[in-house]
Amino acid sequence: MEGESLVNNPDNLSEGLINYLKVAYITASKSAFMWANLLCASVSVVGLVVCVVYFRKVRHHKHDDQSTAI
């Protein structure tokens, strides 16, 4: 019952607990932002590598077709 009353009336929270919750919130937000950016960067790098490899193969294959046609 105590936790429920604290949620419903946050004015009863101690100053130390409020500061702890603020720091925890900021830390969690920074961590989530960092991991999301890391995931996006990783997907971008993988996509870049796949594109480079694919277009290099297409380019060489197209070049081989032109040389055999002559």
Protein backbone atom coordinates (compact mmCIF):
# COMPACT_ATOMS: atom_id res chain seq x y z
CA MET A 1 0.00 0.00 0.00
CA GLU A 2 2.93 2.35 0.64
CA GLY A 3 4.21 2.23 -2.95
CA GLU A 4 0.76 2.91 -4.30
CA SER A 5 0.35 5.98 -2.08
CA LEU A 6 3.75 7.29 -3.22
CA VAL A 7 2.74 7.03 -6.86
CA ASN A 8 -0.56 8.76 -6.25
CA ASN A 9 1.05 11.51 -4.14
CA PRO A 10 4.63 12.14 -5.37
CA ASP A 11 4.99 15.12 -3.02
CA ASN A 12 5.71 12.63 -0.25
CA LEU A 13 8.89 11.43 -1.97
CA SER A 14 12.17 12.40 -0.37
CA GLU A 15 14.50 14.76 -2.21
CA GLY A 16 17.16 12.03 -2.46
CA LEU A 17 14.73 9.59 -4.07
CA ILE A 18 13.56 12.23 -6.54
CA ASN A 19 17.18 12.94 -7.55
CA TYR A 20 17.88 9.21 -7.84
CA LEU A 21 14.85 8.73 -10.10
CA LYS A 22 15.91 11.68 -12.28
CA VAL A 23 19.42 10.28 -12.68
CA ALA A 24 18.03 6.81 -13.41
CA TYR A 25 15.68 8.24 -16.05
CA ILE A 26 18.43 10.26 -17.73
CA THR A 27 20.84 7.30 -17.68
CA ALA A 28 18.22 4.95 -19.14
CA SER A 29 17.33 7.46 -21.86
CA LYS A 30 20.97 7.97 -22.85
CA SER A 31 21.58 4.23 -22.90
CA ALA A 32 18.52 3.54 -25.05
CA PHE A 33 19.49 6.34 -27.45
CA MET A 34 23.05 5.01 -27.71
CA TRP A 35 21.92 1.43 -28.42
CA ALA A 36 19.36 2.60 -31.00
CA ASN A 37 22.02 4.64 -32.80
CA LEU A 38 24.48 1.75 -32.66
CA LEU A 39 21.88 -0.57 -34.18
CA CYS A 40 21.08 1.90 -36.97
CA ALA A 41 24.76 2.43 -37.72
CA SER A 42 25.35 -1.33 -37.85
CA VAL A 43 22.45 -1.87 -40.23
CA SER A 44 23.73 0.97 -42.42
CA VAL A 45 27.24 -0.50 -42.59
CA VAL A 46 25.90 -3.95 -43.46
CA GLY A 47 23.69 -2.40 -46.15
CA LEU A 48 26.65 -0.51 -47.58
CA VAL A 49 28.77 -3.65 -47.74
CA VAL A 50 25.97 -5.63 -49.40
CA CYS A 51 25.43 -2.88 -51.99
CA VAL A 52 29.12 -2.59 -52.80
CA VAL A 53 29.51 -6.35 -53.20
CA TYR A 54 26.31 -6.69 -55.26
CA PHE A 55 27.06 -3.81 -57.63
CA ARG A 56 30.64 -4.93 -58.03
CA LYS A 57 29.39 -8.38 -59.12
CA VAL A 58 26.80 -6.87 -61.47
CA ARG A 59 29.42 -4.57 -62.97
CA HIS A 60 31.91 -7.42 -63.55
CA HIS A 61 29.19 -9.68 -64.94
CA LYS A 62 28.02 -6.96 -67.32
CA HIS A 63 31.62 -6.32 -68.40
CA ASP A 64 32.12 -10.07 -69.06
CA ASP A 65 28.95 -10.21 -71.18
CA GLN A 66 30.13 -7.29 -73.33
CA SER A 67 33.58 -8.80 -73.91
CA THR A 68 32.17 -12.17 -75.00
CA ALA A 69 29.71 -10.49 -77.38
CA ILE A 70 32.50 -8.87 -79.37
